[in-house]
Protein backbone atom coordinates (compact mmCIF):
# COMPACT_ATOMS: atom_id res chain seq x y z
CA MET A 1 99.97 74.85 97.46
CA VAL A 2 102.47 76.83 99.54
CA GLU A 3 101.71 77.74 103.14
CA SER A 4 100.92 81.31 104.22
CA ILE A 5 104.39 81.96 105.68
CA ASP A 6 105.99 80.68 102.47
CA ARG A 7 103.72 82.91 100.42
CA ARG A 8 104.80 85.90 102.48
CA LEU A 9 108.43 84.91 101.97
CA ALA A 10 107.84 84.52 98.22
CA HIS A 11 106.27 87.97 98.05
CA ALA A 12 109.26 89.41 99.92
CA LEU A 13 111.64 87.81 97.43
CA GLN A 14 109.55 89.13 94.55
CA ILE A 15 110.16 92.64 95.90
CA ASP A 16 113.91 92.16 96.41
CA GLY A 17 115.33 88.81 95.37
CA ARG A 18 118.70 89.50 97.02
CA ALA A 19 117.45 90.95 100.29
CA PRO A 20 119.43 89.39 103.19
CA PHE A 21 117.50 86.81 105.16
CA ALA A 22 118.10 88.92 108.27
CA LYS A 23 116.22 91.82 106.67
CA ILE A 24 113.42 89.60 105.41
CA ALA A 25 113.09 87.97 108.81
CA ASP A 26 112.87 91.33 110.54
CA VAL A 27 110.07 92.51 108.24
CA LEU A 28 108.13 89.24 108.34
CA LYS A 29 108.60 88.87 112.11
CA ILE A 30 110.22 85.44 111.86
CA SER A 31 113.71 84.20 112.70
CA GLU A 32 116.53 84.43 110.18
CA HIS A 33 116.94 80.65 110.43
CA THR A 34 113.28 80.16 109.58
CA ALA A 35 113.53 82.47 106.55
CA ALA A 36 116.57 80.60 105.21
CA ARG A 37 115.07 77.16 105.92
CA ARG A 38 111.75 78.06 104.30
CA TYR A 39 113.48 79.41 101.19
CA HIS A 40 115.47 76.18 100.90
CA ARG A 41 112.17 74.29 101.02
CA LEU A 42 110.69 76.56 98.34
CA LYS A 43 113.69 75.79 96.12
CA GLU A 44 112.98 72.08 96.54
CA GLN A 45 109.47 72.82 95.26
CA GLY A 46 110.82 74.59 92.18
CA ILE A 47 110.41 78.15 93.48
CA ARG A 48 113.58 80.20 93.46
CA VAL A 49 115.12 83.57 92.65
CA ARG A 50 116.88 83.82 89.31
CA GLY A 51 118.77 86.61 87.66
CA ALA A 52 117.58 87.60 84.19
CA LEU A 53 119.46 89.68 81.64
CA ASN A 54 117.26 92.52 80.42
CA ARG A 55 118.65 92.97 76.91
CA PHE A 56 116.02 95.65 76.32
CA ARG A 57 118.07 97.96 78.56
CA LEU A 58 121.05 97.37 76.25
CA GLY A 59 119.17 98.55 73.19
CA HIS A 60 117.96 95.14 72.06
CA HIS A 61 114.45 94.46 70.80
CA ALA A 62 111.84 92.34 72.53
CA TRP A 63 109.44 90.31 70.41
CA THR A 64 106.51 88.08 71.26
CA LEU A 65 106.06 85.16 68.88
CA ARG A 66 102.98 83.06 68.23
CA LEU A 67 103.46 79.81 66.31
CA ARG A 68 100.76 77.46 65.09
CA CYS A 69 101.88 73.99 64.06
CA VAL A 70 100.64 70.49 63.28
CA PRO A 71 99.85 68.60 66.53
CA ASP A 72 102.84 66.23 66.56
CA ALA A 73 105.35 69.05 65.96
CA GLY A 74 104.43 71.27 68.91
CA PRO A 75 106.24 69.64 71.87
CA ALA A 76 109.53 69.15 70.00
CA LEU A 77 109.52 72.71 68.69
CA ALA A 78 108.70 74.12 72.14
CA ARG A 79 111.63 72.19 73.64
CA ALA A 80 113.96 73.52 70.95
CA LEU A 81 112.84 77.09 71.62
CA ALA A 82 113.32 76.64 75.37
CA ARG A 83 116.95 75.61 74.83
CA ARG A 84 117.83 78.96 73.26
CA ASP A 85 119.57 81.60 75.37
CA ASP A 86 117.49 84.44 73.91
CA THR A 87 114.00 83.02 74.57
CA PHE A 88 111.80 83.37 77.65
CA TRP A 89 108.33 82.27 78.73
CA VAL A 90 107.93 79.42 76.27
CA HIS A 91 104.34 78.15 76.50
CA LEU A 92 102.80 75.14 74.81
CA MET A 93 99.11 75.91 74.26
CA SER A 94 95.83 74.77 72.74
CA GLY A 95 96.36 71.03 73.06
CA GLY A 96 99.91 71.28 71.72
CA THR A 97 99.10 72.99 68.43
CA GLU A 98 100.28 76.47 69.47
CA ILE A 99 103.42 77.93 71.04
CA SER A 100 104.09 81.40 72.35
CA CYS A 101 107.39 82.79 73.55
CA LEU A 102 109.35 85.98 74.04
CA GLN A 103 112.63 86.62 72.27
CA GLN A 104 115.14 89.43 72.81
CA VAL A 105 117.44 90.20 69.85
CA GLN A 106 119.89 92.94 68.96
CA SER A 107 118.20 93.54 65.61
CA PRO A 108 115.12 92.18 63.81
CA ASP A 109 117.48 90.30 61.46
CA GLU A 110 118.28 87.95 64.34
CA LEU A 111 114.69 86.74 64.79
CA LEU A 112 114.59 82.96 64.50
CA LEU A 113 111.74 82.93 61.97
CA ASP A 114 113.92 81.77 59.07
CA ARG A 115 115.23 78.85 61.16
CA LEU A 116 111.88 77.38 62.13
CA PRO A 117 110.74 74.02 60.72
CA ARG A 118 108.34 73.91 57.80
CA ARG A 119 105.64 72.05 59.69
CA LEU A 120 104.21 75.32 60.92
CA VAL A 121 100.71 76.39 59.96
CA ASP A 122 101.14 80.06 60.85
CA VAL A 123 103.71 82.38 62.45
CA SER A 124 103.26 85.91 63.79
CA ALA A 125 105.89 88.14 65.41
CA HIS A 126 105.06 91.31 67.31
CA ASN A 127 107.57 93.88 68.50
CA VAL A 128 107.05 94.78 72.16
CA LEU A 129 106.66 98.55 72.38
CA ARG A 130 105.72 99.12 76.02
CA GLY A 131 105.50 96.80 78.97
CA PHE A 132 102.69 97.19 81.50
CA VAL A 133 103.11 94.10 83.69
CA SER A 134 106.05 91.75 84.19
CA PRO A 135 106.13 88.53 86.24
CA GLY A 136 108.18 90.41 88.81
CA THR A 137 105.20 92.68 89.53
CA TRP A 138 102.47 90.01 89.46
CA ARG A 139 99.81 91.11 91.94
CA GLY A 140 98.38 87.63 92.42
CA LEU A 141 101.23 86.84 94.79
CA ALA A 142 100.79 89.99 96.90
CA CYS A 143 100.03 89.37 100.58
CA LEU A 144 102.29 91.80 102.46
CA THR A 145 101.11 95.11 103.87
CA ASP A 146 102.10 98.41 102.28
CA ASP A 147 104.49 99.08 105.17
CA GLU A 148 106.15 95.67 104.72
CA VAL A 149 106.52 96.25 100.99
CA ALA A 150 108.08 99.67 101.58
CA ALA A 151 110.54 98.21 104.10
CA LEU A 152 111.71 95.61 101.59
CA GLN A 153 112.07 97.88 98.56
CA PRO A 154 115.76 97.97 97.54
CA GLU A 155 117.43 101.37 97.59
CA LEU A 156 119.09 101.49 94.20
CA ALA A 157 119.86 104.86 92.63
CA PRO A 158 119.33 104.41 88.88
CA GLU A 159 122.32 104.58 86.53
CA PRO A 160 122.41 104.68 82.71
CA PRO A 161 123.06 101.26 81.15
CA ALA A 162 126.39 100.51 79.50
CA GLY A 163 127.86 97.61 77.57
CA LEU A 164 128.59 94.35 79.35
CA THR A 165 132.12 93.38 80.30
CA PRO A 166 133.30 89.73 80.22
CA LEU A 167 133.11 89.77 84.02
CA ASP A 168 129.52 91.03 83.87
CA GLU A 169 128.59 88.19 81.52
CA ALA A 170 130.19 85.63 83.84
CA LEU A 171 128.34 87.03 86.86
CA LEU A 172 125.04 87.09 84.99
CA LYS A 173 125.45 83.44 84.01
CA ILE A 174 125.94 82.45 87.65
CA LEU A 175 123.01 84.57 88.82
CA GLU A 176 120.81 83.07 86.12
CA ALA A 177 121.10 79.73 87.92
CA ASP A 178 120.90 81.22 91.43
CA GLY A 179 119.86 84.83 91.87
CA ARG A 180 120.79 84.71 95.55
CA ALA A 181 124.33 83.37 95.08
CA GLY A 182 126.57 84.97 97.71
CA TYR A 183 129.33 87.39 96.77
CA ALA A 184 132.01 84.93 97.90
CA GLU A 185 130.55 82.29 95.57
CA LEU A 186 130.23 84.81 92.73
CA ALA A 187 133.82 85.93 93.19
CA ALA A 188 135.17 82.38 93.25
CA LYS A 189 133.27 81.23 90.16
CA ALA A 190 133.90 84.43 88.18
CA ARG A 191 137.56 84.56 89.31
CA THR A 192 137.48 88.04 90.75
CA SER A 193 137.53 89.64 94.19
CA GLU A 194 134.48 89.69 96.42
CA SER A 195 134.45 93.51 96.49
CA THR A 196 134.54 93.64 92.69
CA ALA A 197 131.73 91.10 92.40
CA ARG A 198 129.64 93.15 94.81
CA ARG A 199 130.32 96.39 92.92
CA ARG A 200 129.51 94.91 89.48
CA VAL A 201 126.29 93.20 90.65
CA ASP A 202 125.19 96.45 92.28
CA HIS A 203 125.94 98.32 89.03
CA LEU A 204 124.01 95.80 86.93
CA ARG A 205 121.00 96.14 89.22
CA ARG A 206 121.12 99.93 89.18
CA THR A 207 121.17 100.01 85.38
CA GLY A 208 118.26 97.57 85.16
CA VAL A 209 120.34 95.17 83.07
CA LEU A 210 120.09 92.58 85.84
CA GLU A 211 116.57 91.76 86.95
CA LEU A 212 115.91 89.45 89.88
CA GLN A 213 112.74 87.48 89.36
CA LEU A 214 110.95 84.87 91.39
CA ASP A 215 110.85 81.85 89.11
CA ALA A 216 107.70 80.02 90.13
CA ASP A 217 104.75 78.25 88.61
CA PRO A 218 101.61 80.25 89.55
CA ALA A 219 99.88 76.92 90.16
CA ARG A 220 102.02 76.59 93.31
CA PHE A 221 100.12 79.59 94.69
CA GLY A 222 96.67 78.36 93.74
CA PHE A 223 96.45 79.63 90.14
CA PRO A 224 96.57 76.51 87.92
CA THR A 225 94.50 77.86 85.00
CA GLN A 226 96.64 79.93 82.64
CA ALA A 227 95.98 81.49 79.26
CA ARG A 228 97.52 83.81 76.70
CA LEU A 229 95.41 86.71 75.42
CA TRP A 230 95.64 88.80 72.27
CA MET A 231 93.52 91.93 72.10
CA ARG A 232 92.76 94.48 69.41
CA VAL A 233 92.48 97.86 71.06
CA GLU A 234 91.73 101.24 69.55
CA PRO A 235 95.05 103.16 69.62
CA ARG A 236 93.61 106.03 71.64
CA HIS A 237 92.63 103.57 74.39
CA LEU A 238 95.76 101.40 74.31
CA ALA A 239 97.64 103.08 77.18
CA GLU A 240 94.49 103.17 79.29
CA ALA A 241 93.77 99.47 78.70
CA GLY A 242 97.37 98.51 79.52
CA ALA A 243 97.29 100.53 82.73
CA ALA A 244 94.04 98.80 83.70
CA LEU A 245 95.57 95.36 83.16
CA ALA A 246 98.40 96.34 85.50
CA THR A 247 95.86 96.53 88.35
CA HIS A 248 94.44 93.04 87.73
CA PRO A 249 95.82 90.28 90.01
CA GLU A 250 95.16 87.73 87.25
CA VAL A 251 97.70 89.35 84.87
CA TYR A 252 101.37 88.44 85.20
CA PHE A 253 102.48 89.82 81.82
CA ALA A 254 101.04 92.53 79.58
CA ALA A 255 102.54 94.65 76.83
CA ALA A 256 101.63 96.86 73.89
CA THR A 257 102.91 95.46 70.61
CA THR A 258 102.91 96.05 66.90
CA GLY A 259 100.40 94.22 64.72
CA PRO A 260 96.61 93.98 64.58
CA SER A 261 96.53 92.41 68.06
CA ASN A 262 98.27 95.31 69.74
CA LEU A 263 97.85 94.28 73.39
CA VAL A 264 99.09 90.89 74.59
CA ALA A 265 98.71 89.45 78.08
CA SER A 266 99.30 86.30 80.08
CA VAL A 267 96.76 85.58 82.79
CA THR A 268 96.48 83.00 85.54
CA CYS A 269 93.30 82.12 87.40
CA ARG A 270 92.12 79.70 90.08
CA SER A 271 89.77 77.80 87.75
CA SER A 272 88.26 77.78 84.28
CA GLY A 273 85.23 79.47 85.78
CA ASP A 274 87.39 82.30 87.06
CA LEU A 275 89.01 82.58 83.64
CA TYR A 276 85.56 82.87 82.06
CA ARG A 277 84.63 85.57 84.55
CA TYR A 278 87.87 87.42 83.89
CA LEU A 279 87.42 87.34 80.10
CA THR A 280 83.78 88.40 80.16
CA GLU A 281 83.80 90.92 82.99
CA CYS A 282 87.33 92.35 83.16
CA VAL A 283 88.59 92.13 79.58
CA GLY A 284 85.09 92.63 78.23
CA GLY A 285 84.78 95.81 80.27
CA LEU A 286 87.96 97.47 79.03
CA GLU A 287 87.31 100.62 77.03
CA GLY A 288 88.41 100.38 73.42
CA VAL A 289 88.87 96.60 73.21
CA ARG A 290 87.27 95.54 69.95
CA GLU A 291 88.33 91.89 69.78
CA SER A 292 90.05 89.40 72.06
CA GLU A 293 91.40 85.93 71.51
CA SER A 294 92.56 83.45 74.13
CA ALA A 295 94.51 80.21 74.16
CA PRO A 296 94.90 77.96 77.23
CA VAL A 297 98.44 77.19 78.39
CA ILE A 298 98.90 73.45 78.89
CA ARG A 299 102.59 73.52 79.77
CA THR A 300 105.28 76.12 80.40
CA LEU A 301 108.64 74.79 79.27
CA LYS A 302 110.64 77.86 80.24
CA ARG A 303 109.96 80.86 82.41
CA VAL A 304 112.62 83.37 83.45
CA ALA A 305 115.87 81.71 82.45
CA THR A 306 116.41 78.02 82.87
CA SER A 307 118.95 75.68 81.38
CA ALA A 308 117.85 73.07 78.90
CA ASP A 309 117.98 70.32 81.54
CA GLU A 310 115.99 72.33 84.11
CA ALA A 311 113.40 73.33 81.53
CA PHE A 312 112.21 69.75 81.16
CA SER A 313 112.57 68.48 84.73
């Protein structure tokens, strides 16, 4: 489990993944050297900032998929899904017989359903209509004061999204591996000037096309028990239930979707007992929730955006 100073650093990076270490150090009341050294240590533990392409901002569609398969097919299928560029948060669940993942596609015709193996027992795909919680806003990591959070919030005036240029795509690929890559490194690898790299990254952040997310296993912060939830909520209570989930520190993803299970969530708890308490007291107390189903996550093969090699390290 990470130390308190590392947790504070992680929370700071969750707020602004590209904040200079000098700024972070000033807010956290530590030296710039300590901030940089501690982040390097976090990276060695598998905790780092990554850039993620938000295709939703470009007019693409986000889908959450749930796949049930025969036991010996689950791990291989999950690995294949994790290798795809358009998939995120690939979870192997329920003893290896279930998989869930997110996929972003330009049109529903591009969903990978027709390319899945035949050893599946059941497949369901739900279009994401409204997000309530993303891993970048997970409250379970929060440990900074309101004043510290405000001091770290990036000042980015929003801009309307536009199509990606070849340079944008090159920059995004570099940032996917290292969300804190310096502008000199970005310029050298993308074969452009440092000022241009800075301007394009700033534009991508302002449009919301580039999201900087802290790629970390919640277990590193004391939350080893994870589960995926599917809830059936009366439509008139759907927005209210989603807003309530956004206040729960256990929830690191929640969205309204199409389908009979119209509210999906990923939760992480400190123990199976805490998960039981959360399901019975918190989910059970939500107005309008008529049914809920849960599946334990036994392994996450891909989170924000990892390469095939990193996904299985």
